[in-house]
Amino acid sequence: MSLSINVKQGQRLDLWLKQTKPAGQPLFAIHMENAVLFKIETAPPYYQYFTWTAWQQGIVSLEWLPEHSEISLCYSWHPDTLPQQGVSFIDIENNDLCLRDDRAVAEHYQQEDLRPALHFSPRTGWMNDPNGLHRKGDEWHLFYQYHPHSTQWGPMHWNHAVSQDLYHWRHYPVFLQPEQNLSALGATGGAFSGSAFIDAEGQTRFWYTERLPAYDLYRGYREIQKMAVPQPAYDKPALIKTVLTALPAGVDCDFRDPKVWYEEADATFYMILGASVNGDPAMLLFHSEDSDSWQFHHVLYTAPPYFRENGGRCVECPDFFCLDGIWVLIIGIVGYTEPTTGRHNLLFAQTGDFRHGYFTPSAQPLQILDFGTDFYALQTWGESDSRTGFAWLYNWATQKSVHSAYSGEMSLPRRFHLNARQQLCMTPVLPPASLIISEERLDAWSHWSGSTACKSCIITFTPTSHFCLTLTGQTGQQIILAHDGHTLSLLEKDRDDGRYQAPLAKVGDVTLCFDAGIVEVFAQQGSVCGTRRYYSCSSLTEITLSGAQAKITRYHSPYAQP
């Protein structure tokens, strides 16, 4: 099988290939005229990374032996045009190679009923935690945990996408890979979560955790902290170095997900890490004068005992930032199950004050950030006038029920503020007007029924009293958001037990996003939020509302024309 493409000097090609049976000729080769520029004679029986750079311009022929090998991911790009064009995917179709242009990529994204339009998803493979989120110039860079060889979790890489409006995304090359090929070792691990930092000279650096080859997902592994500096094109790292390996007293194997910032008042770099200290989920603080040599400062925060008593193993994906003069600490706690409801994958926020390296919690109790269980591993980035973040929209216990090219999505981008009660509030960054198909009114005690099913919409309303919003899917499934004067609840009729709810006496405003089975709810200026992923309902045929008038805004995919 072969494919001819035109390449420029400096163009790159990345692929991951494994051999499936012996062959008497190269498994993959690149030719120009009669010359062989690159070839893979043999490969291991697990996916191995290969890369090639073109040092002359012209038409090359890619030749592949599908009877003897498999390719999980392949793409080409040029560093000079990467910001405008991203990568060009080379796919396998009918056991042949084919180059995907923008139209083909758009069609690929729209083939799956359960592929959302407004929520970021990887083109193929597995995705979990957002990493390295930052804004540079007029572009947002979103890195994320990625396994390119399967739609199931596996050895962790960092993949990368770029956007100017948080909705139209260009795919970049895979940025980080595991230190070793873990498949060769029969191990798990790899480039785990981390964050971005931009120094005074404008240089971006990433701090992240490398889980060294691990043979047990829950104990006995080793996690170390690394720093990466990207190439000018943001395509690959120019430098990776290990910066922290020593475990503080009382810390076992969980020691991960660094976030670094510089505190002007202390003239100090700080790093937080999630961990467990003597069995209690905790957040650690390290400090440095130069961001290269780090020393343990102290345990910044220890979770209340009921987290450990209900299965909580450690803190992970911590975040810590100042908002309107108040410091906000955000944690997820691995293994914790809420005893009264059975909910897990919950995120918590604690407000307080941070001075000279010490955090003093306020009198406010821990706040559950989202009453659903599909909003986890939140990562935020602060600018001069706002703070923006994404979370991983997935629940380990709820697997996708259909065959798919990918698994895992991001939440809508959210903006953050504190209300008068010092509650952390989250409101969605709305899609650009260019994605709007239509805007319609829904009167109280009436219903909407479209001539075509609605795949993606945002519903906004301000109830004056109790309300009930019913979303009906294409085969009669019903998702119900209701308020009874005491509680805001989100329920999939006949499929869940009503555990997804939050106490709320008054609902001043409601925004609900439906996107190919994803539901995100924002109420009372974003002080109460709920996120759920439903695989039983990919589009809506009816919307019914009692107790309020609403506006329904329908959207098309960024990859499609209305």
Foldseek 3Di string as FASTA:
>chain_A
DKDKDWDAAFKKKKWWKAWDDQDPAFQKWKDDPHDTPDTHRHHHRGIDMDMDGHHHTDMIMIDHDLVTMDILWMWMDHLVCCVPAAIWTWDADPNDTDTDDLLNLLVLQPPDLLRWFQFDFDSFFEWAFWAAWDDDDQKTKIWTWTDRRHQDDFATWIWIWMDRQLADIGGAATAGWAPDDLVVVVFHWGWAHWYWDQDPVRWIKIKWKTWPGHDDPPFDTAIFIKMFGCDPSNRYTPDIDTQGGDDPAQWGHAWTYWDWDADPVQCKIKIWTKTAGVQWAFIWIWIDNPVRHIDTDGTQDTDPPVQSVQQFGYWHLWDWDAAPNKIKIKTATPGGADVVQRAHQWMWIFIADADPHHTDTDPDDIDTQALANQFHSKDWYDDPHWIKIKGKGDDPVDDQPDDDRHDTIIDAIWIWHADPVRFIFTDGSDDDPQFWPDKDKDFAQGKDFDPDWFQKKKKKWFFPAWKKKWFAAPVGWIWIFTDHQFKTWIDTPPPDDTSRIDTDRHWGMWMWIGTQQWIWIATDRRSYIYIDGGNVGRTTRMMHMHRTMMMMTGGDHPSDHD
